[in-house]
Amino acid sequence: MNPRVKALYITALRSGEYEAGEYYLKANGEHSALGVLCSVAVMDGVVEWIPSHDEDGSYYVGKELNNILLPAEVLAWAELKSPQFELPSMTAKHYRSITMEEEDKTFKEIADIVEEEL
């Protein structure tokens, strides 16, 4: 992961500014952990949030109009390879993803994992 983006992302995850949500990158004022990274990309001028106008209150991001996984623009900016944001695990021989982690972790705990493993 790009070191500058990593620092911005960790700061955003620890900021307390984002309410944790499930499934969508951003919906009804809540963000997934991947959605927080997209919001950092929005603040950096990489992409824009686009309201979906669906009843679920979700937003799209990027040219692909994605509302669940990281779009290509954010992947390139953050220098990531997987739209699920894979993390090498110290305790497993396989990769795990941020989407797997956020089910039982706070954003601050996810920030710690990103800081330690990337």
PDB file of N, CA and C in Angstrom:
ATOM      1  N   MET A   1       0.845  -1.183   0.000  1.00  0.00           N
ATOM      2  CA  MET A   1       0.000   0.000   0.000  1.00  0.00           C
ATOM      3  C   MET A   1       0.885   1.239   0.000  1.00  0.00           C
ATOM      4  N   ASN A   2       0.482   2.231  -0.743  1.00  0.00           N
ATOM      5  CA  ASN A   2       1.210   3.492  -0.785  1.00  0.00           C
ATOM      6  C   ASN A   2       1.338   4.043   0.645  1.00  0.00           C
ATOM      7  N   PRO A   3       2.547   4.378   1.099  1.00  0.00           N
ATOM      8  CA  PRO A   3       2.747   4.823   2.485  1.00  0.00           C
ATOM      9  C   PRO A   3       1.937   6.070   2.869  1.00  0.00           C
ATOM     10  N   ARG A   4       1.824   7.021   1.962  1.00  0.00           N
ATOM     11  CA  ARG A   4       1.041   8.232   2.246  1.00  0.00           C
ATOM     12  C   ARG A   4      -0.434   7.895   2.421  1.00  0.00           C
ATOM     13  N   VAL A   5      -0.958   7.060   1.534  1.00  0.00           N
ATOM     14  CA  VAL A   5      -2.362   6.651   1.608  1.00  0.00           C
ATOM     15  C   VAL A   5      -2.603   5.833   2.871  1.00  0.00           C
ATOM     16  N   LYS A   6      -1.665   4.961   3.197  1.00  0.00           N
ATOM     17  CA  LYS A   6      -1.780   4.156   4.416  1.00  0.00           C
ATOM     18  C   LYS A   6      -1.922   5.047   5.643  1.00  0.00           C
ATOM     19  N   ALA A   7      -1.080   6.072   5.734  1.00  0.00           N
ATOM     20  CA  ALA A   7      -1.132   6.993   6.884  1.00  0.00           C
ATOM     21  C   ALA A   7      -2.477   7.730   6.927  1.00  0.00           C
ATOM     22  N   LEU A   8      -2.942   8.184   5.775  1.00  0.00           N
ATOM     23  CA  LEU A   8      -4.239   8.874   5.722  1.00  0.00           C
ATOM     24  C   LEU A   8      -5.375   7.941   6.129  1.00  0.00           C
ATOM     25  N   TYR A   9      -5.326   6.710   5.657  1.00  0.00           N
ATOM     26  CA  TYR A   9      -6.366   5.719   5.944  1.00  0.00           C
ATOM     27  C   TYR A   9      -6.391   5.373   7.431  1.00  0.00           C
ATOM     28  N   ILE A  10      -5.229   5.124   8.011  1.00  0.00           N
ATOM     29  CA  ILE A  10      -5.165   4.793   9.432  1.00  0.00           C
ATOM     30  C   ILE A  10      -5.699   5.952  10.268  1.00  0.00           C
ATOM     31  N   THR A  11      -5.325   7.165   9.908  1.00  0.00           N
ATOM     32  CA  THR A  11      -5.821   8.348  10.621  1.00  0.00           C
ATOM     33  C   THR A  11      -7.339   8.434  10.521  1.00  0.00           C
ATOM     34  N   ALA A  12      -7.880   8.195   9.340  1.00  0.00           N
ATOM     35  CA  ALA A  12      -9.338   8.253   9.147  1.00  0.00           C
ATOM     36  C   ALA A  12     -10.047   7.172   9.956  1.00  0.00           C
ATOM     37  N   LEU A  13      -9.509   5.952   9.947  1.00  0.00           N
ATOM     38  CA  LEU A  13     -10.122   4.863  10.714  1.00  0.00           C
ATOM     39  C   LEU A  13     -10.127   5.166  12.213  1.00  0.00           C
ATOM     40  N   ARG A  14      -9.096   5.821  12.691  1.00  0.00           N
ATOM     41  CA  ARG A  14      -8.987   6.118  14.129  1.00  0.00           C
ATOM     42  C   ARG A  14      -9.685   7.418  14.527  1.00  0.00           C
ATOM     43  N   SER A  15     -10.132   8.187  13.571  1.00  0.00           N
ATOM     44  CA  SER A  15     -10.652   9.532  13.839  1.00  0.00           C
ATOM     45  C   SER A  15     -11.974   9.563  14.601  1.00  0.00           C
ATOM     46  N   GLY A  16     -12.755   8.514  14.515  1.00  0.00           N
ATOM     47  CA  GLY A  16     -14.082   8.525  15.127  1.00  0.00           C
ATOM     48  C   GLY A  16     -15.119   9.265  14.300  1.00  0.00           C
ATOM     49  N   GLU A  17     -14.720   9.742  13.117  1.00  0.00           N
ATOM     50  CA  GLU A  17     -15.637  10.490  12.253  1.00  0.00           C
ATOM     51  C   GLU A  17     -16.582   9.594  11.451  1.00  0.00           C
ATOM     52  N   TYR A  18     -16.270   8.309  11.376  1.00  0.00           N
ATOM     53  CA  TYR A  18     -17.043   7.404  10.533  1.00  0.00           C
ATOM     54  C   TYR A  18     -17.822   6.404  11.373  1.00  0.00           C
ATOM     55  N   GLU A  19     -19.107   6.305  11.083  1.00  0.00           N
ATOM     56  CA  GLU A  19     -19.942   5.305  11.744  1.00  0.00           C
ATOM     57  C   GLU A  19     -19.869   4.022  10.936  1.00  0.00           C
ATOM     58  N   ALA A  20     -19.622   2.915  11.618  1.00  0.00           N
ATOM     59  CA  ALA A  20     -19.468   1.634  10.940  1.00  0.00           C
ATOM     60  C   ALA A  20     -20.799   1.128  10.409  1.00  0.00           C
ATOM     61  N   GLY A  21     -20.763   0.703   9.167  1.00  0.00           N
ATOM     62  CA  GLY A  21     -21.930   0.112   8.532  1.00  0.00           C
ATOM     63  C   GLY A  21     -21.554  -1.227   7.923  1.00  0.00           C
ATOM     64  N   GLU A  22     -22.524  -1.877   7.338  1.00  0.00           N
ATOM     65  CA  GLU A  22     -22.278  -3.186   6.746  1.00  0.00           C
ATOM     66  C   GLU A  22     -22.583  -3.164   5.261  1.00  0.00           C
ATOM     67  N   TYR A  23     -21.909  -4.007   4.532  1.00  0.00           N
ATOM     68  CA  TYR A  23     -22.152  -4.328   3.135  1.00  0.00           C
ATOM     69  C   TYR A  23     -21.744  -3.226   2.161  1.00  0.00           C
ATOM     70  N   TYR A  24     -22.370  -2.061   2.216  1.00  0.00           N
ATOM     71  CA  TYR A  24     -22.083  -1.001   1.252  1.00  0.00           C
ATOM     72  C   TYR A  24     -20.861  -0.179   1.663  1.00  0.00           C
ATOM     73  N   LEU A  25     -20.171   0.378   0.670  1.00  0.00           N
ATOM     74  CA  LEU A  25     -19.061   1.285   0.957  1.00  0.00           C
ATOM     75  C   LEU A  25     -19.549   2.457   1.793  1.00  0.00           C
ATOM     76  N   LYS A  26     -20.703   3.011   1.380  1.00  0.00           N
ATOM     77  CA  LYS A  26     -21.305   4.133   2.105  1.00  0.00           C
ATOM     78  C   LYS A  26     -22.807   4.074   1.898  1.00  0.00           C
ATOM     79  N   ALA A  27     -23.547   4.135   2.992  1.00  0.00           N
ATOM     80  CA  ALA A  27     -25.011   4.142   2.918  1.00  0.00           C
ATOM     81  C   ALA A  27     -25.581   4.694   4.209  1.00  0.00           C
ATOM     82  N   ASN A  28     -26.526   5.599   4.075  1.00  0.00           N
ATOM     83  CA  ASN A  28     -27.235   6.146   5.235  1.00  0.00           C
ATOM     84  C   ASN A  28     -26.298   6.669   6.322  1.00  0.00           C
ATOM     85  N   GLY A  29     -25.226   7.341   5.908  1.00  0.00           N
ATOM     86  CA  GLY A  29     -24.292   7.930   6.863  1.00  0.00           C
ATOM     87  C   GLY A  29     -23.312   6.959   7.477  1.00  0.00           C
ATOM     88  N   GLU A  30     -23.345   5.705   7.050  1.00  0.00           N
ATOM     89  CA  GLU A  30     -22.424   4.693   7.571  1.00  0.00           C
ATOM     90  C   GLU A  30     -21.462   4.271   6.471  1.00  0.00           C
ATOM     91  N   HIS A  31     -20.289   3.797   6.893  1.00  0.00           N
ATOM     92  CA  HIS A  31     -19.254   3.349   5.961  1.00  0.00           C
ATOM     93  C   HIS A  31     -18.789   1.944   6.340  1.00  0.00           C
ATOM     94  N   SER A  32     -18.431   1.155   5.336  1.00  0.00           N
ATOM     95  CA  SER A  32     -17.648  -0.051   5.613  1.00  0.00           C
ATOM     96  C   SER A  32     -16.201   0.401   5.761  1.00  0.00           C
ATOM     97  N   ALA A  33     -15.327  -0.495   6.188  1.00  0.00           N
ATOM     98  CA  ALA A  33     -13.907  -0.137   6.292  1.00  0.00           C
ATOM     99  C   ALA A  33     -13.353   0.249   4.918  1.00  0.00           C
ATOM    100  N   LEU A  34     -13.799  -0.438   3.866  1.00  0.00           N
ATOM    101  CA  LEU A  34     -13.385  -0.072   2.512  1.00  0.00           C
ATOM    102  C   LEU A  34     -13.961   1.285   2.126  1.00  0.00           C
ATOM    103  N   GLY A  35     -15.163   1.568   2.608  1.00  0.00           N
ATOM    104  CA  GLY A  35     -15.791   2.860   2.343  1.00  0.00           C
ATOM    105  C   GLY A  35     -15.017   4.014   2.960  1.00  0.00           C
ATOM    106  N   VAL A  36     -14.399   3.783   4.106  1.00  0.00           N
ATOM    107  CA  VAL A  36     -13.564   4.823   4.721  1.00  0.00           C
ATOM    108  C   VAL A  36     -12.389   5.129   3.797  1.00  0.00           C
ATOM    109  N   LEU A  37     -11.782   4.092   3.220  1.00  0.00           N
ATOM    110  CA  LEU A  37     -10.687   4.325   2.271  1.00  0.00           C
ATOM    111  C   LEU A  37     -11.196   5.110   1.069  1.00  0.00           C
ATOM    112  N   CYS A  38     -12.389   4.804   0.589  1.00  0.00           N
ATOM    113  CA  CYS A  38     -12.967   5.564  -0.527  1.00  0.00           C
ATOM    114  C   CYS A  38     -13.203   7.016  -0.134  1.00  0.00           C
ATOM    115  N   SER A  39     -13.648   7.264   1.081  1.00  0.00           N
ATOM    116  CA  SER A  39     -13.847   8.645   1.527  1.00  0.00           C
ATOM    117  C   SER A  39     -12.531   9.407   1.580  1.00  0.00           C
ATOM    118  N   VAL A  40     -11.462   8.729   1.978  1.00  0.00           N
ATOM    119  CA  VAL A  40     -10.143   9.357   1.963  1.00  0.00           C
ATOM    120  C   VAL A  40      -9.762   9.685   0.519  1.00  0.00           C
ATOM    121  N   ALA A  41     -10.060   8.780  -0.406  1.00  0.00           N
ATOM    122  CA  ALA A  41      -9.786   9.023  -1.831  1.00  0.00           C
ATOM    123  C   ALA A  41     -10.617  10.193  -2.358  1.00  0.00           C
ATOM    124  N   VAL A  42     -11.848  10.309  -1.889  1.00  0.00           N
ATOM    125  CA  VAL A  42     -12.699  11.449  -2.276  1.00  0.00           C
ATOM    126  C   VAL A  42     -12.054  12.745  -1.790  1.00  0.00           C
ATOM    127  N   MET A  43     -11.607  12.779  -0.545  1.00  0.00           N
ATOM    128  CA  MET A  43     -10.970  13.980   0.007  1.00  0.00           C
ATOM    129  C   MET A  43      -9.679  14.327  -0.729  1.00  0.00           C
ATOM    130  N   ASP A  44      -9.032  13.313  -1.303  1.00  0.00           N
ATOM    131  CA  ASP A  44      -7.790  13.529  -2.036  1.00  0.00           C
ATOM    132  C   ASP A  44      -8.041  13.833  -3.520  1.00  0.00           C
ATOM    133  N   GLY A  45      -9.317  13.899  -3.916  1.00  0.00           N
ATOM    134  CA  GLY A  45      -9.674  14.256  -5.279  1.00  0.00           C
ATOM    135  C   GLY A  45      -9.572  13.131  -6.295  1.00  0.00           C
ATOM    136  N   VAL A  46      -9.500  11.901  -5.836  1.00  0.00           N
ATOM    137  CA  VAL A  46      -9.338  10.751  -6.732  1.00  0.00           C
ATOM    138  C   VAL A  46     -10.663  10.341  -7.368  1.00  0.00           C
ATOM    139  N   VAL A  47     -11.709  10.303  -6.585  1.00  0.00           N
ATOM    140  CA  VAL A  47     -13.049   9.890  -7.025  1.00  0.00           C
ATOM    141  C   VAL A  47     -14.081  10.769  -6.338  1.00  0.00           C
ATOM    142  N   GLU A  48     -15.340  10.581  -6.701  1.00  0.00           N
ATOM    143  CA  GLU A  48     -16.445  11.286  -6.053  1.00  0.00           C
ATOM    144  C   GLU A  48     -17.509  10.281  -5.640  1.00  0.00           C
ATOM    145  N   TRP A  49     -18.206  10.595  -4.550  1.00  0.00           N
ATOM    146  CA  TRP A  49     -19.378   9.809  -4.165  1.00  0.00           C
ATOM    147  C   TRP A  49     -20.539  10.213  -5.063  1.00  0.00           C
ATOM    148  N   ILE A  50     -21.280   9.238  -5.564  1.00  0.00           N
ATOM    149  CA  ILE A  50     -22.438   9.491  -6.416  1.00  0.00           C
ATOM    150  C   ILE A  50     -23.638   8.808  -5.777  1.00  0.00           C
ATOM    151  N   PRO A  51     -24.675   9.557  -5.383  1.00  0.00           N
ATOM    152  CA  PRO A  51     -25.847   8.923  -4.773  1.00  0.00           C
ATOM    153  C   PRO A  51     -26.478   7.915  -5.734  1.00  0.00           C
ATOM    154  N   SER A  52     -26.874   6.761  -5.223  1.00  0.00           N
ATOM    155  CA  SER A  52     -27.466   5.722  -6.078  1.00  0.00           C
ATOM    156  C   SER A  52     -28.939   5.974  -6.357  1.00  0.00           C
ATOM    157  N   HIS A  53     -29.598   6.769  -5.542  1.00  0.00           N
ATOM    158  CA  HIS A  53     -31.032   7.026  -5.624  1.00  0.00           C
ATOM    159  C   HIS A  53     -31.853   5.759  -5.381  1.00  0.00           C
ATOM    160  N   ASP A  54     -31.214   4.738  -4.817  1.00  0.00           N
ATOM    161  CA  ASP A  54     -31.931   3.524  -4.423  1.00  0.00           C
ATOM    162  C   ASP A  54     -32.486   3.723  -3.017  1.00  0.00           C
ATOM    163  N   GLU A  55     -33.429   2.907  -2.653  1.00  0.00           N
ATOM    164  CA  GLU A  55     -34.032   3.004  -1.321  1.00  0.00           C
ATOM    165  C   GLU A  55     -33.036   2.685  -0.211  1.00  0.00           C
ATOM    166  N   ASP A  56     -31.960   1.971  -0.543  1.00  0.00           N
ATOM    167  CA  ASP A  56     -30.992   1.590   0.481  1.00  0.00           C
ATOM    168  C   ASP A  56     -30.087   2.745   0.910  1.00  0.00           C
ATOM    169  N   GLY A  57     -30.164   3.882   0.222  1.00  0.00           N
ATOM    170  CA  GLY A  57     -29.369   5.053   0.589  1.00  0.00           C
ATOM    171  C   GLY A  57     -27.891   4.928   0.296  1.00  0.00           C
ATOM    172  N   SER A  58     -27.520   3.974  -0.561  1.00  0.00           N
ATOM    173  CA  SER A  58     -26.111   3.754  -0.839  1.00  0.00           C
ATOM    174  C   SER A  58     -25.571   4.749  -1.865  1.00  0.00           C
ATOM    175  N   TYR A  59     -24.251   4.811  -1.918  1.00  0.00           N
ATOM    176  CA  TYR A  59     -23.540   5.674  -2.861  1.00  0.00           C
ATOM    177  C   TYR A  59     -22.641   4.822  -3.737  1.00  0.00           C
ATOM    178  N   TYR A  60     -22.453   5.277  -4.966  1.00  0.00           N
ATOM    179  CA  TYR A  60     -21.485   4.667  -5.875  1.00  0.00           C
ATOM    180  C   TYR A  60     -20.207   5.489  -5.824  1.00  0.00           C
ATOM    181  N   VAL A  61     -19.120   4.851  -6.255  1.00  0.00           N
ATOM    182  CA  VAL A  61     -17.844   5.560  -6.343  1.00  0.00           C
ATOM    183  C   VAL A  61     -17.068   4.993  -7.527  1.00  0.00           C
ATOM    184  N   GLY A  62     -16.390   5.869  -8.255  1.00  0.00           N
ATOM    185  CA  GLY A  62     -15.572   5.441  -9.375  1.00  0.00           C
ATOM    186  C   GLY A  62     -16.347   5.290 -10.670  1.00  0.00           C
ATOM    187  N   LYS A  63     -15.612   5.154 -11.757  1.00  0.00           N
ATOM    188  CA  LYS A  63     -16.222   5.023 -13.079  1.00  0.00           C
ATOM    189  C   LYS A  63     -17.052   3.760 -13.211  1.00  0.00           C
ATOM    190  N   GLU A  64     -16.692   2.728 -12.431  1.00  0.00           N
ATOM    191  CA  GLU A  64     -17.415   1.453 -12.468  1.00  0.00           C
ATOM    192  C   GLU A  64     -18.738   1.523 -11.701  1.00  0.00           C
ATOM    193  N   LEU A  65     -18.967   2.642 -11.024  1.00  0.00           N
ATOM    194  CA  LEU A  65     -20.151   2.814 -10.176  1.00  0.00           C
ATOM    195  C   LEU A  65     -20.314   1.649  -9.210  1.00  0.00           C
ATOM    196  N   ASN A  66     -19.267   1.422  -8.442  1.00  0.00           N
ATOM    197  CA  ASN A  66     -19.267   0.347  -7.472  1.00  0.00           C
ATOM    198  C   ASN A  66     -19.773   0.861  -6.131  1.00  0.00           C
ATOM    199  N   ASN A  67     -20.532   0.043  -5.409  1.00  0.00           N
ATOM    200  CA  ASN A  67     -20.958   0.450  -4.076  1.00  0.00           C
ATOM    201  C   ASN A  67     -20.619  -0.601  -3.014  1.00  0.00           C
ATOM    202  N   ILE A  68     -19.815  -1.614  -3.406  1.00  0.00           N
ATOM    203  CA  ILE A  68     -19.455  -2.665  -2.459  1.00  0.00           C
ATOM    204  C   ILE A  68     -17.946  -2.851  -2.348  1.00  0.00           C
ATOM    205  N   LEU A  69     -17.247  -2.909  -3.491  1.00  0.00           N
ATOM    206  CA  LEU A  69     -15.801  -3.149  -3.500  1.00  0.00           C
ATOM    207  C   LEU A  69     -15.054  -1.910  -3.975  1.00  0.00           C
ATOM    208  N   LEU A  70     -13.761  -1.877  -3.737  1.00  0.00           N
ATOM    209  CA  LEU A  70     -12.947  -0.745  -4.158  1.00  0.00           C
ATOM    210  C   LEU A  70     -12.902  -0.644  -5.681  1.00  0.00           C
ATOM    211  N   PRO A  71     -13.152   0.542  -6.221  1.00  0.00           N
ATOM    212  CA  PRO A  71     -13.056   0.719  -7.675  1.00  0.00           C
ATOM    213  C   PRO A  71     -11.594   0.811  -8.126  1.00  0.00           C
ATOM    214  N   ALA A  72     -11.389   0.650  -9.423  1.00  0.00           N
ATOM    215  CA  ALA A  72     -10.043   0.651 -10.000  1.00  0.00           C
ATOM    216  C   ALA A  72      -9.261   1.915  -9.656  1.00  0.00           C
ATOM    217  N   GLU A  73      -9.918   3.070  -9.654  1.00  0.00           N
ATOM    218  CA  GLU A  73      -9.234   4.327  -9.361  1.00  0.00           C
ATOM    219  C   GLU A  73      -8.647   4.338  -7.959  1.00  0.00           C
ATOM    220  N   VAL A  74      -9.398   3.823  -6.996  1.00  0.00           N
ATOM    221  CA  VAL A  74      -8.924   3.788  -5.608  1.00  0.00           C
ATOM    222  C   VAL A  74      -7.822   2.747  -5.456  1.00  0.00           C
ATOM    223  N   LEU A  75      -7.975   1.603  -6.132  1.00  0.00           N
ATOM    224  CA  LEU A  75      -6.925   0.579  -6.093  1.00  0.00           C
ATOM    225  C   LEU A  75      -5.605   1.137  -6.612  1.00  0.00           C
ATOM    226  N   ALA A  76      -5.642   1.840  -7.739  1.00  0.00           N
ATOM    227  CA  ALA A  76      -4.424   2.403  -8.323  1.00  0.00           C
ATOM    228  C   ALA A  76      -3.818   3.467  -7.411  1.00  0.00           C
ATOM    229  N   TRP A  77      -4.652   4.353  -6.885  1.00  0.00           N
ATOM    230  CA  TRP A  77      -4.195   5.438  -6.010  1.00  0.00           C
ATOM    231  C   TRP A  77      -3.550   4.890  -4.741  1.00  0.00           C
ATOM    232  N   ALA A  78      -4.172   3.858  -4.169  1.00  0.00           N
ATOM    233  CA  ALA A  78      -3.664   3.274  -2.922  1.00  0.00           C
ATOM    234  C   ALA A  78      -2.581   2.229  -3.169  1.00  0.00           C
ATOM    235  N   GLU A  79      -2.348   1.895  -4.439  1.00  0.00           N
ATOM    236  CA  GLU A  79      -1.386   0.867  -4.823  1.00  0.00           C
ATOM    237  C   GLU A  79      -1.728  -0.478  -4.198  1.00  0.00           C
ATOM    238  N   LEU A  80      -3.007  -0.855  -4.356  1.00  0.00           N
ATOM    239  CA  LEU A  80      -3.515  -2.139  -3.883  1.00  0.00           C
ATOM    240  C   LEU A  80      -3.845  -3.016  -5.089  1.00  0.00           C
ATOM    241  N   LYS A  81      -3.845  -4.324  -4.889  1.00  0.00           N
ATOM    242  CA  LYS A  81      -4.127  -5.244  -5.990  1.00  0.00           C
ATOM    243  C   LYS A  81      -5.523  -5.833  -5.940  1.00  0.00           C
ATOM    244  N   SER A  82      -6.101  -5.955  -4.764  1.00  0.00           N
ATOM    245  CA  SER A  82      -7.388  -6.627  -4.611  1.00  0.00           C
ATOM    246  C   SER A  82      -8.495  -5.649  -4.230  1.00  0.00           C
ATOM    247  N   PRO A  83      -9.655  -5.727  -4.898  1.00  0.00           N
ATOM    248  CA  PRO A  83     -10.759  -4.849  -4.523  1.00  0.00           C
ATOM    249  C   PRO A  83     -11.336  -5.166  -3.145  1.00  0.00           C
ATOM    250  N   GLN A  84     -10.911  -6.289  -2.547  1.00  0.00           N
ATOM    251  CA  GLN A  84     -11.326  -6.617  -1.183  1.00  0.00           C
ATOM    252  C   GLN A  84     -10.255  -6.241  -0.171  1.00  0.00           C
ATOM    253  N   PHE A  85      -9.109  -5.711  -0.639  1.00  0.00           N
ATOM    254  CA  PHE A  85      -8.053  -5.208   0.229  1.00  0.00           C
ATOM    255  C   PHE A  85      -7.498  -6.328   1.105  1.00  0.00           C
ATOM    256  N   GLU A  86      -6.695  -7.186   0.516  1.00  0.00           N
ATOM    257  CA  GLU A  86      -6.159  -8.334   1.240  1.00  0.00           C
ATOM    258  C   GLU A  86      -4.992  -7.953   2.141  1.00  0.00           C
ATOM    259  N   LEU A  87      -4.957  -8.580   3.304  1.00  0.00           N
ATOM    260  CA  LEU A  87      -3.904  -8.352   4.303  1.00  0.00           C
ATOM    261  C   LEU A  87      -3.142  -9.647   4.543  1.00  0.00           C
ATOM    262  N   PRO A  88      -1.817  -9.590   4.545  1.00  0.00           N
ATOM    263  CA  PRO A  88      -1.088 -10.791   4.948  1.00  0.00           C
ATOM    264  C   PRO A  88      -1.305 -11.010   6.444  1.00  0.00           C
ATOM    265  N   SER A  89      -1.576 -12.221   6.824  1.00  0.00           N
ATOM    266  CA  SER A  89      -1.820 -12.505   8.236  1.00  0.00           C
ATOM    267  C   SER A  89      -0.599 -13.149   8.869  1.00  0.00           C
ATOM    268  N   MET A  90      -0.273 -12.716  10.064  1.00  0.00           N
ATOM    269  CA  MET A  90       0.853 -13.290  10.784  1.00  0.00           C
ATOM    270  C   MET A  90       0.519 -14.701  11.283  1.00  0.00           C
ATOM    271  N   THR A  91      -0.760 -15.008  11.420  1.00  0.00           N
ATOM    272  CA  THR A  91      -1.155 -16.284  12.016  1.00  0.00           C
ATOM    273  C   THR A  91      -1.683 -17.274  10.991  1.00  0.00           C
ATOM    274  N   ALA A  92      -1.791 -16.884   9.747  1.00  0.00           N
ATOM    275  CA  ALA A  92      -2.324 -17.793   8.733  1.00  0.00           C
ATOM    276  C   ALA A  92      -1.442 -17.745   7.495  1.00  0.00           C
ATOM    277  N   LYS A  93      -1.459 -18.804   6.736  1.00  0.00           N
ATOM    278  CA  LYS A  93      -0.647 -18.861   5.525  1.00  0.00           C
ATOM    279  C   LYS A  93      -1.388 -18.302   4.318  1.00  0.00           C
ATOM    280  N   HIS A  94      -2.629 -17.933   4.476  1.00  0.00           N
ATOM    281  CA  HIS A  94      -3.418 -17.370   3.387  1.00  0.00           C
ATOM    282  C   HIS A  94      -3.678 -15.889   3.665  1.00  0.00           C
ATOM    283  N   TYR A  95      -4.191 -15.234   2.690  1.00  0.00           N
ATOM    284  CA  TYR A  95      -4.534 -13.826   2.876  1.00  0.00           C
ATOM    285  C   TYR A  95      -5.939 -13.716   3.431  1.00  0.00           C
ATOM    286  N   ARG A  96      -6.164 -12.702   4.197  1.00  0.00           N
ATOM    287  CA  ARG A  96      -7.513 -12.381   4.661  1.00  0.00           C
ATOM    288  C   ARG A  96      -7.808 -10.970   4.200  1.00  0.00           C
ATOM    289  N   SER A  97      -9.051 -10.603   4.170  1.00  0.00           N
ATOM    290  CA  SER A  97      -9.395  -9.293   3.634  1.00  0.00           C
ATOM    291  C   SER A  97      -9.989  -8.401   4.711  1.00  0.00           C
ATOM    292  N   ILE A  98      -9.967  -7.112   4.427  1.00  0.00           N
ATOM    293  CA  ILE A  98     -10.596  -6.146   5.328  1.00  0.00           C
ATOM    294  C   ILE A  98     -12.078  -6.484   5.488  1.00  0.00           C
ATOM    295  N   THR A  99     -12.726  -6.910   4.419  1.00  0.00           N
ATOM    296  CA  THR A  99     -14.155  -7.226   4.524  1.00  0.00           C
ATOM    297  C   THR A  99     -14.383  -8.387   5.486  1.00  0.00           C
ATOM    298  N   MET A 100     -13.436  -9.319   5.563  1.00  0.00           N
ATOM    299  CA  MET A 100     -13.556 -10.417   6.524  1.00  0.00           C
ATOM    300  C   MET A 100     -13.356  -9.907   7.944  1.00  0.00           C
ATOM    301  N   GLU A 101     -12.451  -8.969   8.113  1.00  0.00           N
ATOM    302  CA  GLU A 101     -12.094  -8.476   9.436  1.00  0.00           C
ATOM    303  C   GLU A 101     -13.180  -7.614  10.063  1.00  0.00           C
ATOM    304  N   GLU A 102     -13.895  -6.837   9.261  1.00  0.00           N
ATOM    305  CA  GLU A 102     -14.755  -5.832   9.854  1.00  0.00           C
ATOM    306  C   GLU A 102     -16.008  -6.397  10.501  1.00  0.00           C
ATOM    307  N   GLU A 103     -16.295  -7.659  10.296  1.00  0.00           N
ATOM    308  CA  GLU A 103     -17.475  -8.251  10.920  1.00  0.00           C
ATOM    309  C   GLU A 103     -17.392  -8.224  12.439  1.00  0.00           C
ATOM    310  N   ASP A 104     -16.188  -8.355  12.968  1.00  0.00           N
ATOM    311  CA  ASP A 104     -16.059  -8.393  14.427  1.00  0.00           C
ATOM    312  C   ASP A 104     -15.004  -7.433  14.963  1.00  0.00           C
ATOM    313  N   LYS A 105     -14.626  -6.447  14.167  1.00  0.00           N
ATOM    314  CA  LYS A 105     -13.603  -5.496  14.587  1.00  0.00           C
ATOM    315  C   LYS A 105     -14.108  -4.067  14.447  1.00  0.00           C
ATOM    316  N   THR A 106     -13.626  -3.202  15.331  1.00  0.00           N
ATOM    317  CA  THR A 106     -13.923  -1.774  15.217  1.00  0.00           C
ATOM    318  C   THR A 106     -12.982  -1.168  14.180  1.00  0.00           C
ATOM    319  N   PHE A 107     -13.281   0.057  13.749  1.00  0.00           N
ATOM    320  CA  PHE A 107     -12.387   0.727  12.818  1.00  0.00           C
ATOM    321  C   PHE A 107     -10.999   0.931  13.444  1.00  0.00           C
ATOM    322  N   LYS A 108     -10.949   1.200  14.729  1.00  0.00           N
ATOM    323  CA  LYS A 108      -9.645   1.385  15.387  1.00  0.00           C
ATOM    324  C   LYS A 108      -8.849   0.082  15.384  1.00  0.00           C
ATOM    325  N   GLU A 109      -9.520  -1.041  15.562  1.00  0.00           N
ATOM    326  CA  GLU A 109      -8.838  -2.337  15.510  1.00  0.00           C
ATOM    327  C   GLU A 109      -8.371  -2.638  14.086  1.00  0.00           C
ATOM    328  N   ILE A 110      -9.179  -2.287  13.108  1.00  0.00           N
ATOM    329  CA  ILE A 110      -8.780  -2.476  11.711  1.00  0.00           C
ATOM    330  C   ILE A 110      -7.582  -1.587  11.392  1.00  0.00           C
ATOM    331  N   ALA A 111      -7.555  -0.366  11.922  1.00  0.00           N
ATOM    332  CA  ALA A 111      -6.404   0.523  11.731  1.00  0.00           C
ATOM    333  C   ALA A 111      -5.131  -0.123  12.271  1.00  0.00           C
ATOM    334  N   ASP A 112      -5.230  -0.761  13.427  1.00  0.00           N
ATOM    335  CA  ASP A 112      -4.074  -1.442  14.006  1.00  0.00           C
ATOM    336  C   ASP A 112      -3.578  -2.562  13.091  1.00  0.00           C
ATOM    337  N   ILE A 113      -4.520  -3.316  12.507  1.00  0.00           N
ATOM    338  CA  ILE A 113      -4.161  -4.425  11.604  1.00  0.00           C
ATOM    339  C   ILE A 113      -3.467  -3.868  10.358  1.00  0.00           C
ATOM    340  N   VAL A 114      -4.039  -2.821   9.779  1.00  0.00           N
ATOM    341  CA  VAL A 114      -3.440  -2.195   8.584  1.00  0.00           C
ATOM    342  C   VAL A 114      -2.040  -1.692   8.917  1.00  0.00           C
ATOM    343  N   GLU A 115      -1.896  -1.039  10.053  1.00  0.00           N
ATOM    344  CA  GLU A 115      -0.596  -0.496  10.453  1.00  0.00           C
ATOM    345  C   GLU A 115       0.449  -1.587  10.634  1.00  0.00           C
ATOM    346  N   GLU A 116       0.038  -2.708  11.211  1.00  0.00           N
ATOM    347  CA  GLU A 116       0.976  -3.787  11.496  1.00  0.00           C
ATOM    348  C   GLU A 116       1.298  -4.644  10.280  1.00  0.00           C
ATOM    349  N   GLU A 117       0.321  -4.849   9.402  1.00  0.00           N
ATOM    350  CA  GLU A 117       0.486  -5.851   8.351  1.00  0.00           C
ATOM    351  C   GLU A 117       0.785  -5.304   6.966  1.00  0.00           C
ATOM    352  N   LEU A 118       0.659  -4.021   6.756  1.00  0.00           N
ATOM    353  CA  LEU A 118       0.955  -3.489   5.426  1.00  0.00           C
ATOM    354  C   LEU A 118       2.162  -2.577   5.454  1.00  0.00           C
TER     355      LEU A 118
END
